[in-house]
Amino acid sequence: VMLHLPMEPEPNAHISPGKGAVLVGMSAAEVRTVVEDDLEAVPWVAGVNNHMGSRASQDTALMAEVMRTLAGRRLYFIDSRTTSASIALNAARREHIPAFYRSVFLDDTETVPYTLGQLREFRHTVEQEGVALAIGHPHSTTITALEEFLPEFERADIELVAPSQIVRLPEIAAMQPATKK
């Protein structure tokens, strides 16, 4: 079970991260209170990823406080990488939190053809890097695309595992997201 922790997006996003968001400018005590309250709202939480957070995930002090709070609970962290400027992964690693990052968003566009293309990109990344993490939502288009594509993973001998397993693989400890050219 993962907490999809709301974090502040860029100001021009024109959307709200919702209640319980971690915001730039919060004091350390406010960050701890918000994160602890959000964690208490999700029974059996084992890990966290950021919901939105393009602005928050670039703030060094804010991410350090979030990660200290997660470290106190012995949780893992997945950086959703809503911005290539995110420092959240490195902040988690500095706190010795098992952590990894999103390689592919499956369903930014809610169509089966788009999601199938993203699944092909995911497969390619796994073949190149040895491990990758995809984030998707339970949209009907995503589910349909997954049903269609799952045999491709079997044929490619790719095993799908939970994020909680990925973050504990020794080979991912030094991996960093690819930088866009």
C-alpha atoms as a PDB file:
ATOM      1  CA  VAL A   1       0.000   0.000   0.000  1.00  0.00           C
ATOM      2  CA  MET A   2       1.358   3.380  -1.024  1.00  0.00           C
ATOM      3  CA  LEU A   3       0.425   6.907  -0.030  1.00  0.00           C
ATOM      4  CA  HIS A   4       0.061   9.175  -3.066  1.00  0.00           C
ATOM      5  CA  LEU A   5       1.350  12.227  -1.150  1.00  0.00           C
ATOM      6  CA  PRO A   6      -0.004  15.530  -2.506  1.00  0.00           C
ATOM      7  CA  MET A   7       2.763  18.052  -3.213  1.00  0.00           C
ATOM      8  CA  GLU A   8       2.736  21.563  -4.594  1.00  0.00           C
ATOM      9  CA  PRO A   9       2.798  21.804  -8.404  1.00  0.00           C
ATOM     10  CA  GLU A  10       4.304  24.677 -10.380  1.00  0.00           C
ATOM     11  CA  PRO A  11       2.255  27.889 -10.025  1.00  0.00           C
ATOM     12  CA  ASN A  12       1.242  27.813 -13.701  1.00  0.00           C
ATOM     13  CA  ALA A  13      -0.297  24.332 -13.295  1.00  0.00           C
ATOM     14  CA  HIS A  14      -3.697  25.882 -12.475  1.00  0.00           C
ATOM     15  CA  ILE A  15      -4.681  22.770 -10.531  1.00  0.00           C
ATOM     16  CA  SER A  16      -4.664  22.052  -6.845  1.00  0.00           C
ATOM     17  CA  PRO A  17      -2.830  19.106  -5.301  1.00  0.00           C
ATOM     18  CA  GLY A  18      -5.731  18.761  -2.893  1.00  0.00           C
ATOM     19  CA  LYS A  19      -6.064  18.550   0.846  1.00  0.00           C
ATOM     20  CA  GLY A  20      -3.041  17.525   2.888  1.00  0.00           C
ATOM     21  CA  ALA A  21      -0.469  18.844   0.420  1.00  0.00           C
ATOM     22  CA  VAL A  22       3.164  19.487   1.214  1.00  0.00           C
ATOM     23  CA  LEU A  23       3.866  23.077   0.190  1.00  0.00           C
ATOM     24  CA  VAL A  24       6.997  25.142  -0.363  1.00  0.00           C
ATOM     25  CA  GLY A  25       7.526  27.498   2.561  1.00  0.00           C
ATOM     26  CA  MET A  26       6.118  25.187   5.232  1.00  0.00           C
ATOM     27  CA  SER A  27       8.101  24.947   8.434  1.00  0.00           C
ATOM     28  CA  ALA A  28       9.701  21.641   9.369  1.00  0.00           C
ATOM     29  CA  ALA A  29       6.996  21.113  11.997  1.00  0.00           C
ATOM     30  CA  GLU A  30       4.223  21.797   9.453  1.00  0.00           C
ATOM     31  CA  VAL A  31       5.754  19.339   6.982  1.00  0.00           C
ATOM     32  CA  ARG A  32       5.999  16.630   9.630  1.00  0.00           C
ATOM     33  CA  THR A  33       2.388  17.221  10.728  1.00  0.00           C
ATOM     34  CA  VAL A  34       1.001  17.145   7.173  1.00  0.00           C
ATOM     35  CA  VAL A  35       2.961  14.034   6.188  1.00  0.00           C
ATOM     36  CA  GLU A  36       2.116  12.204   9.436  1.00  0.00           C
ATOM     37  CA  ASP A  37      -1.586  13.093   9.061  1.00  0.00           C
ATOM     38  CA  ASP A  38      -1.580  11.861   5.447  1.00  0.00           C
ATOM     39  CA  LEU A  39       0.170   8.641   6.480  1.00  0.00           C
ATOM     40  CA  GLU A  40      -2.371   8.047   9.254  1.00  0.00           C
ATOM     41  CA  ALA A  41      -5.161   8.305   6.679  1.00  0.00           C
ATOM     42  CA  VAL A  42      -3.822   5.281   4.743  1.00  0.00           C
ATOM     43  CA  PRO A  43      -3.866   1.999   6.671  1.00  0.00           C
ATOM     44  CA  TRP A  44      -0.887  -0.354   6.220  1.00  0.00           C
ATOM     45  CA  VAL A  45       1.130   2.144   4.173  1.00  0.00           C
ATOM     46  CA  ALA A  46       4.558   0.781   3.215  1.00  0.00           C
ATOM     47  CA  GLY A  47       5.695   3.453   0.776  1.00  0.00           C
ATOM     48  CA  VAL A  48       5.038   6.891  -0.639  1.00  0.00           C
ATOM     49  CA  ASN A  49       5.121   8.581  -4.013  1.00  0.00           C
ATOM     50  CA  ASN A  50       4.435  12.179  -4.872  1.00  0.00           C
ATOM     51  CA  HIS A  51       1.136  13.339  -6.336  1.00  0.00           C
ATOM     52  CA  MET A  52       1.994  16.319  -8.517  1.00  0.00           C
ATOM     53  CA  GLY A  53       4.819  18.158  -6.765  1.00  0.00           C
ATOM     54  CA  SER A  54       6.791  19.716  -9.602  1.00  0.00           C
ATOM     55  CA  ARG A  55       7.520  22.753  -7.415  1.00  0.00           C
ATOM     56  CA  ALA A  56       7.820  20.953  -4.073  1.00  0.00           C
ATOM     57  CA  SER A  57      10.114  18.212  -5.372  1.00  0.00           C
ATOM     58  CA  GLN A  58      12.698  20.825  -6.396  1.00  0.00           C
ATOM     59  CA  ASP A  59      12.957  22.346  -2.897  1.00  0.00           C
ATOM     60  CA  THR A  60      15.948  20.914  -1.030  1.00  0.00           C
ATOM     61  CA  ALA A  61      14.852  21.831   2.510  1.00  0.00           C
ATOM     62  CA  LEU A  62      11.288  20.674   1.945  1.00  0.00           C
ATOM     63  CA  MET A  63      12.315  17.325   0.465  1.00  0.00           C
ATOM     64  CA  ALA A  64      14.830  16.775   3.280  1.00  0.00           C
ATOM     65  CA  GLU A  65      12.063  17.196   5.864  1.00  0.00           C
ATOM     66  CA  VAL A  66       9.635  14.953   3.985  1.00  0.00           C
ATOM     67  CA  MET A  67      12.297  12.251   3.739  1.00  0.00           C
ATOM     68  CA  ARG A  68      13.267  12.537   7.424  1.00  0.00           C
ATOM     69  CA  THR A  69       9.614  11.935   8.279  1.00  0.00           C
ATOM     70  CA  LEU A  70       9.419   8.909   5.973  1.00  0.00           C
ATOM     71  CA  ALA A  71      12.711   7.550   7.323  1.00  0.00           C
ATOM     72  CA  GLY A  72      11.280   7.675  10.833  1.00  0.00           C
ATOM     73  CA  ARG A  73       8.524   5.342   9.641  1.00  0.00           C
ATOM     74  CA  ARG A  74      10.900   3.090   7.635  1.00  0.00           C
ATOM     75  CA  LEU A  75       8.949   3.659   4.414  1.00  0.00           C
ATOM     76  CA  TYR A  76      10.166   3.540   0.837  1.00  0.00           C
ATOM     77  CA  PHE A  77       9.805   6.381  -1.664  1.00  0.00           C
ATOM     78  CA  ILE A  78       9.056   6.510  -5.392  1.00  0.00           C
ATOM     79  CA  ASP A  79       9.810   9.797  -7.142  1.00  0.00           C
ATOM     80  CA  SER A  80       7.016  10.296  -9.677  1.00  0.00           C
ATOM     81  CA  ARG A  81       9.360  12.635 -11.572  1.00  0.00           C
ATOM     82  CA  THR A  82       6.698  15.185 -12.441  1.00  0.00           C
ATOM     83  CA  THR A  83       9.680  17.386 -13.315  1.00  0.00           C
ATOM     84  CA  SER A  84      13.146  16.459 -14.521  1.00  0.00           C
ATOM     85  CA  ALA A  85      14.456  18.958 -11.953  1.00  0.00           C
ATOM     86  CA  SER A  86      13.213  16.821  -9.036  1.00  0.00           C
ATOM     87  CA  ILE A  87      15.701  16.249  -6.232  1.00  0.00           C
ATOM     88  CA  ALA A  88      13.356  13.951  -4.295  1.00  0.00           C
ATOM     89  CA  LEU A  89      15.151  10.704  -5.219  1.00  0.00           C
ATOM     90  CA  ASN A  90      18.504  11.988  -4.006  1.00  0.00           C
ATOM     91  CA  ALA A  91      16.913  13.440  -0.864  1.00  0.00           C
ATOM     92  CA  ALA A  92      15.445  10.010  -0.093  1.00  0.00           C
ATOM     93  CA  ARG A  93      18.765   8.296  -0.672  1.00  0.00           C
ATOM     94  CA  ARG A  94      20.547  10.782   1.624  1.00  0.00           C
ATOM     95  CA  GLU A  95      18.168   9.636   4.375  1.00  0.00           C
ATOM     96  CA  HIS A  96      18.909   5.961   3.521  1.00  0.00           C
ATOM     97  CA  ILE A  97      15.332   5.408   2.377  1.00  0.00           C
ATOM     98  CA  PRO A  98      14.852   2.636  -0.179  1.00  0.00           C
ATOM     99  CA  ALA A  99      13.915   4.665  -3.261  1.00  0.00           C
ATOM    100  CA  PHE A 100      13.471   4.579  -7.013  1.00  0.00           C
ATOM    101  CA  TYR A 101      11.928   6.744  -9.729  1.00  0.00           C
ATOM    102  CA  ARG A 102       9.222   6.582 -12.366  1.00  0.00           C
ATOM    103  CA  SER A 103      10.536   5.713 -15.825  1.00  0.00           C
ATOM    104  CA  VAL A 104       7.257   5.914 -17.786  1.00  0.00           C
ATOM    105  CA  PHE A 105       3.797   7.392 -17.237  1.00  0.00           C
ATOM    106  CA  LEU A 106       1.388   4.967 -18.868  1.00  0.00           C
ATOM    107  CA  ASP A 107      -1.709   7.067 -19.245  1.00  0.00           C
ATOM    108  CA  ASP A 108      -1.143  10.816 -19.472  1.00  0.00           C
ATOM    109  CA  THR A 109      -3.481  10.494 -22.433  1.00  0.00           C
ATOM    110  CA  GLU A 110      -6.442   8.202 -21.764  1.00  0.00           C
ATOM    111  CA  THR A 111      -6.499   6.104 -24.922  1.00  0.00           C
ATOM    112  CA  VAL A 112      -5.605   2.473 -25.497  1.00  0.00           C
ATOM    113  CA  PRO A 113      -3.195   3.262 -28.388  1.00  0.00           C
ATOM    114  CA  TYR A 114      -1.321   5.836 -26.293  1.00  0.00           C
ATOM    115  CA  THR A 115      -1.013   3.474 -23.338  1.00  0.00           C
ATOM    116  CA  LEU A 116       0.146   0.635 -25.610  1.00  0.00           C
ATOM    117  CA  GLY A 117       2.871   2.948 -26.907  1.00  0.00           C
ATOM    118  CA  GLN A 118       3.898   3.771 -23.340  1.00  0.00           C
ATOM    119  CA  LEU A 119       3.972   0.059 -22.480  1.00  0.00           C
ATOM    120  CA  ARG A 120       6.305  -0.514 -25.440  1.00  0.00           C
ATOM    121  CA  GLU A 121       8.505   2.323 -24.123  1.00  0.00           C
ATOM    122  CA  PHE A 122       8.444   0.718 -20.678  1.00  0.00           C
ATOM    123  CA  ARG A 123       9.478  -2.663 -22.120  1.00  0.00           C
ATOM    124  CA  HIS A 124      12.316  -0.978 -24.032  1.00  0.00           C
ATOM    125  CA  THR A 125      13.531   0.763 -20.865  1.00  0.00           C
ATOM    126  CA  VAL A 126      13.499  -2.507 -18.925  1.00  0.00           C
ATOM    127  CA  GLU A 127      15.460  -4.192 -21.717  1.00  0.00           C
ATOM    128  CA  GLN A 128      18.022  -1.360 -21.742  1.00  0.00           C
ATOM    129  CA  GLU A 129      18.327  -0.673 -18.002  1.00  0.00           C
ATOM    130  CA  GLY A 130      17.407  -4.028 -16.475  1.00  0.00           C
ATOM    131  CA  VAL A 131      14.725  -2.461 -14.282  1.00  0.00           C
ATOM    132  CA  ALA A 132      12.152   0.299 -14.700  1.00  0.00           C
ATOM    133  CA  LEU A 133       9.038   1.564 -12.971  1.00  0.00           C
ATOM    134  CA  ALA A 134       5.807   2.605 -14.664  1.00  0.00           C
ATOM    135  CA  ILE A 135       3.008   4.620 -13.100  1.00  0.00           C
ATOM    136  CA  GLY A 136      -0.562   4.306 -14.318  1.00  0.00           C
ATOM    137  CA  HIS A 137      -4.104   4.753 -13.109  1.00  0.00           C
ATOM    138  CA  PRO A 138      -7.091   2.376 -13.048  1.00  0.00           C
ATOM    139  CA  HIS A 139      -8.639   3.968 -16.150  1.00  0.00           C
ATOM    140  CA  SER A 140     -10.563   1.556 -18.362  1.00  0.00           C
ATOM    141  CA  THR A 141      -8.192   2.423 -21.227  1.00  0.00           C
ATOM    142  CA  THR A 142      -5.160   1.546 -19.100  1.00  0.00           C
ATOM    143  CA  ILE A 143      -6.660  -1.751 -17.981  1.00  0.00           C
ATOM    144  CA  THR A 144      -7.576  -2.679 -21.565  1.00  0.00           C
ATOM    145  CA  ALA A 145      -4.050  -1.848 -22.788  1.00  0.00           C
ATOM    146  CA  LEU A 146      -2.485  -3.867 -19.965  1.00  0.00           C
ATOM    147  CA  GLU A 147      -4.675  -6.881 -20.732  1.00  0.00           C
ATOM    148  CA  GLU A 148      -3.562  -6.696 -24.349  1.00  0.00           C
ATOM    149  CA  PHE A 149       0.137  -6.118 -23.593  1.00  0.00           C
ATOM    150  CA  LEU A 150       0.791  -8.519 -20.691  1.00  0.00           C
ATOM    151  CA  PRO A 151       1.679 -11.424 -23.037  1.00  0.00           C
ATOM    152  CA  GLU A 152       4.430  -9.204 -24.494  1.00  0.00           C
ATOM    153  CA  PHE A 153       6.098  -9.041 -21.080  1.00  0.00           C
ATOM    154  CA  GLU A 154       5.927 -12.833 -20.803  1.00  0.00           C
ATOM    155  CA  ARG A 155       7.444 -13.296 -24.262  1.00  0.00           C
ATOM    156  CA  ALA A 156      10.241 -10.860 -23.360  1.00  0.00           C
ATOM    157  CA  ASP A 157      10.807 -12.704 -20.037  1.00  0.00           C
ATOM    158  CA  ILE A 158      10.058  -9.516 -18.082  1.00  0.00           C
ATOM    159  CA  GLU A 159       8.758 -10.039 -14.577  1.00  0.00           C
ATOM    160  CA  LEU A 160       6.403  -7.418 -13.190  1.00  0.00           C
ATOM    161  CA  VAL A 161       6.930  -6.767  -9.491  1.00  0.00           C
ATOM    162  CA  ALA A 162       5.687  -4.324  -6.878  1.00  0.00           C
ATOM    163  CA  PRO A 163       7.591  -1.089  -6.187  1.00  0.00           C
ATOM    164  CA  SER A 164       8.335  -2.420  -2.688  1.00  0.00           C
ATOM    165  CA  GLN A 165      10.455  -5.129  -4.348  1.00  0.00           C
ATOM    166  CA  ILE A 166      12.202  -2.810  -6.796  1.00  0.00           C
ATOM    167  CA  VAL A 167      13.420  -0.400  -4.093  1.00  0.00           C
ATOM    168  CA  ARG A 168      15.235  -3.245  -2.341  1.00  0.00           C
ATOM    169  CA  LEU A 169      17.198  -4.454  -5.374  1.00  0.00           C
ATOM    170  CA  PRO A 170      20.909  -3.785  -4.799  1.00  0.00           C
ATOM    171  CA  GLU A 171      21.468  -2.951  -8.476  1.00  0.00           C
ATOM    172  CA  ILE A 172      19.191   0.122  -8.358  1.00  0.00           C
ATOM    173  CA  ALA A 173      21.073   1.910  -5.560  1.00  0.00           C
ATOM    174  CA  ALA A 174      23.099   4.086  -7.935  1.00  0.00           C
ATOM    175  CA  MET A 175      20.663   4.279 -10.843  1.00  0.00           C
ATOM    176  CA  GLN A 176      19.533   7.750 -11.873  1.00  0.00           C
ATOM    177  CA  PRO A 177      16.770   8.815 -14.272  1.00  0.00           C
ATOM    178  CA  ALA A 178      17.876   9.418 -17.842  1.00  0.00           C
ATOM    179  CA  THR A 179      18.204  13.065 -18.666  1.00  0.00           C
ATOM    180  CA  LYS A 180      16.246  14.295 -21.654  1.00  0.00           C
ATOM    181  CA  LYS A 181      18.341  15.720 -24.482  1.00  0.00           C
END
